[in-house]
Amino acid sequence: MNDLVLTVIAADKAGLVERIAQTIADHHGNWLESRMSRMAGQFAGILRVAVPSEYAVELVHALQGLSEEGIRVVVADSGEALSAAWKPIAMDLVGNDRPGIVRDITRLLAAEGVNVERLTTDVRPAPMTSETLFHAEATLAVPLSLSLETLQARLETLADDLMVELTLRTEL
């Protein structure tokens, strides 16, 4: 059995996910998990598919053939699952929008050996003002050797400089 990770991007239109799902099913693949979204008229996603080894090459070829329909698919073998040496932590951040927030936060996380597993961001107007607020939610894989208190303290120093509210909590 092959475990594949696909990234997909195409101009958004009705039936797009069905077309990808049909191609996977036609080639004996099993859709395991996915994260997909529409943004600025484009549809993008990442998904994991299991396929019997004897059908893997055929499936990859068919998925890459979707480019003729305007659907770009990049295929990779799945990586290793995160080991027991990590703990999942949720991070929420809200602050005035400005260039560089994501760069500054992720730079600090990378320096601490923290892996960003999921990141969702958006910008929305603040209640009762016209200010634009940046919102981020993330799931982090934190090394067991790094305490939540230590990470929180390091992030709070940065949060003060960025003028953002930052919350960390243990994921169950």
Protein backbone atom coordinates (compact mmCIF):
# COMPACT_ATOMS: atom_id res chain seq x y z
CA MET A 1 0.00 0.00 0.00
CA ASN A 2 1.31 3.45 -0.90
CA ASP A 3 0.44 6.50 1.17
CA LEU A 4 0.50 9.64 -0.99
CA VAL A 5 0.14 13.31 -0.14
CA LEU A 6 -1.41 15.45 -2.88
CA THR A 7 -1.49 19.21 -3.19
CA VAL A 8 -4.13 20.59 -5.52
CA ILE A 9 -4.78 24.05 -6.92
CA ALA A 10 -7.26 25.20 -9.56
CA ALA A 11 -9.62 28.02 -10.38
CA ASP A 12 -12.64 27.42 -8.16
CA LYS A 13 -15.71 25.89 -9.81
CA ALA A 14 -18.49 23.50 -8.93
CA GLY A 15 -17.54 19.83 -9.26
CA LEU A 16 -13.83 20.28 -8.69
CA VAL A 17 -13.58 18.10 -5.59
CA GLU A 18 -15.81 15.49 -7.20
CA ARG A 19 -13.49 15.33 -10.23
CA ILE A 20 -10.47 14.71 -8.00
CA ALA A 21 -12.39 12.17 -5.88
CA GLN A 22 -13.57 10.33 -8.99
CA THR A 23 -10.02 10.08 -10.33
CA ILE A 24 -8.82 8.67 -7.02
CA ALA A 25 -11.70 6.17 -6.82
CA ASP A 26 -11.27 5.11 -10.48
CA HIS A 27 -7.69 4.09 -9.68
CA HIS A 28 -8.45 2.15 -6.46
CA GLY A 29 -7.36 4.97 -4.15
CA ASN A 30 -8.83 5.64 -0.74
CA TRP A 31 -9.24 9.30 0.31
CA LEU A 32 -8.01 9.36 3.93
CA GLU A 33 -7.89 12.99 5.04
CA SER A 34 -7.83 16.48 3.57
CA ARG A 35 -7.74 20.21 4.20
CA MET A 36 -9.23 22.29 1.42
CA SER A 37 -10.29 25.88 0.98
CA ARG A 38 -11.36 28.54 -1.50
CA MET A 39 -9.44 31.79 -1.44
CA ALA A 40 -9.52 34.72 -3.87
CA GLY A 41 -11.22 32.66 -6.58
CA GLN A 42 -8.74 29.79 -6.31
CA PHE A 43 -9.31 26.40 -4.73
CA ALA A 44 -6.40 24.75 -2.96
CA GLY A 45 -6.05 21.65 -0.88
CA ILE A 46 -3.82 19.04 0.55
CA LEU A 47 -4.98 15.47 0.95
CA ARG A 48 -3.70 12.05 1.86
CA VAL A 49 -4.59 9.03 -0.22
CA ALA A 50 -3.85 5.34 0.23
CA VAL A 51 -3.55 3.25 -2.93
CA PRO A 52 -2.51 -0.38 -3.48
CA SER A 53 1.07 -0.45 -4.78
CA GLU A 54 0.05 -2.01 -8.09
CA TYR A 55 -2.17 1.01 -8.89
CA ALA A 56 0.04 3.82 -7.55
CA VAL A 57 1.82 4.75 -10.80
CA GLU A 58 -1.46 4.68 -12.71
CA LEU A 59 -3.13 6.93 -10.12
CA VAL A 60 -0.27 9.43 -10.13
CA HIS A 61 -0.36 9.58 -13.93
CA ALA A 62 -4.15 10.15 -13.92
CA LEU A 63 -3.90 12.88 -11.28
CA GLN A 64 -1.19 14.68 -13.20
CA GLY A 65 -3.38 14.37 -16.31
CA LEU A 66 -5.96 16.57 -14.61
CA SER A 67 -3.75 19.50 -15.61
CA GLU A 68 -5.51 19.35 -18.99
CA GLU A 69 -8.65 20.41 -17.08
CA GLY A 70 -6.83 23.20 -15.24
CA ILE A 71 -6.33 21.19 -12.05
CA ARG A 72 -2.69 21.14 -10.93
CA VAL A 73 -1.77 18.22 -8.69
CA VAL A 74 1.62 17.65 -7.06
CA VAL A 75 2.16 14.18 -5.61
CA ALA A 76 4.59 13.18 -2.84
CA ASP A 77 5.08 10.08 -0.73
CA SER A 78 3.86 10.66 2.79
CA GLY A 79 6.43 11.49 5.44
CA GLU A 80 6.93 9.98 8.85
CA ALA A 81 4.33 10.55 11.51
CA LEU A 82 5.34 12.78 14.39
CA SER A 83 7.01 10.78 17.13
CA ALA A 84 6.12 10.58 20.79
CA ALA A 85 8.89 13.14 21.44
CA TRP A 86 6.42 15.96 20.69
CA LYS A 87 3.36 17.37 22.42
CA PRO A 88 0.54 19.19 20.60
CA ILE A 89 -0.08 22.80 21.65
CA ALA A 90 -2.77 25.16 20.34
CA MET A 91 -1.82 28.79 19.73
CA ASP A 92 -4.25 31.69 19.22
CA LEU A 93 -3.03 35.14 18.25
CA VAL A 94 -4.90 38.42 17.70
CA GLY A 95 -3.34 41.79 17.04
CA ASN A 96 -3.20 44.83 14.84
CA ASP A 97 -2.38 43.77 11.32
CA ARG A 98 1.06 44.61 10.00
CA PRO A 99 3.53 43.01 7.61
CA GLY A 100 5.84 40.45 9.21
CA ILE A 101 3.70 39.02 12.02
CA VAL A 102 3.76 35.47 10.62
CA ARG A 103 7.48 35.71 9.86
CA ASP A 104 8.32 36.95 13.35
CA ILE A 105 6.26 34.34 15.20
CA THR A 106 7.39 31.42 13.03
CA ARG A 107 11.03 32.52 13.28
CA LEU A 108 10.82 32.28 17.08
CA LEU A 109 8.99 28.93 16.90
CA ALA A 110 11.60 27.49 14.53
CA ALA A 111 14.42 28.69 16.79
CA GLU A 112 12.80 26.77 19.65
CA GLY A 113 12.48 23.61 17.52
CA VAL A 114 8.69 23.91 17.31
CA ASN A 115 6.96 22.53 14.20
CA VAL A 116 3.86 24.28 12.82
CA GLU A 117 1.41 21.49 11.98
CA ARG A 118 -1.60 23.62 11.09
CA LEU A 119 -1.93 27.37 10.59
CA THR A 120 -5.07 29.33 9.76
CA THR A 121 -4.90 33.11 9.43
CA ASP A 122 -7.21 35.89 8.40
CA VAL A 123 -7.64 39.64 8.67
CA ARG A 124 -10.93 41.16 9.82
CA PRO A 125 -12.19 44.50 11.07
CA ALA A 126 -12.06 45.09 14.80
CA PRO A 127 -15.43 45.38 16.53
CA MET A 128 -16.51 49.00 16.89
CA THR A 129 -13.45 50.45 15.07
CA SER A 130 -12.13 50.50 11.55
CA GLU A 131 -8.81 48.93 12.57
CA THR A 132 -7.82 45.72 10.86
CA LEU A 133 -7.02 42.83 13.19
CA PHE A 134 -4.85 39.86 12.28
CA HIS A 135 -6.07 36.50 13.63
CA ALA A 136 -4.08 33.26 13.67
CA GLU A 137 -4.85 29.82 15.01
CA ALA A 138 -2.20 27.13 14.95
CA THR A 139 -1.50 23.64 16.13
CA LEU A 140 2.13 23.29 17.12
CA ALA A 141 4.27 20.21 17.71
CA VAL A 142 6.44 21.22 20.66
CA PRO A 143 9.45 19.13 21.74
CA LEU A 144 8.83 17.41 25.09
CA SER A 145 12.03 19.06 26.34
CA LEU A 146 10.46 22.55 25.93
CA SER A 147 7.99 23.42 28.69
CA LEU A 148 4.79 25.25 27.86
CA GLU A 149 5.79 27.95 30.38
CA THR A 150 9.16 28.53 28.69
CA LEU A 151 7.57 28.74 25.24
CA GLN A 152 4.86 31.06 26.56
CA ALA A 153 7.47 33.38 28.12
CA ARG A 154 9.50 33.57 24.92
CA LEU A 155 6.43 34.21 22.81
CA GLU A 156 5.13 36.85 25.24
CA THR A 157 8.34 38.84 24.81
CA LEU A 158 7.73 38.85 21.08
CA ALA A 159 4.00 39.46 21.54
CA ASP A 160 4.78 42.64 23.48
CA ASP A 161 6.94 43.88 20.59
CA LEU A 162 4.26 42.96 18.03
CA MET A 163 1.42 44.28 20.22
CA VAL A 164 -0.61 41.08 19.92
CA GLU A 165 -2.51 38.87 22.34
CA LEU A 166 -1.15 35.35 22.32
CA THR A 167 -2.56 32.28 24.06
CA LEU A 168 -1.10 28.77 24.25
CA ARG A 169 -2.97 25.73 25.54
CA THR A 170 -2.37 22.01 25.62
CA GLU A 171 -4.25 20.12 22.90
CA LEU A 172 -5.99 16.96 24.04
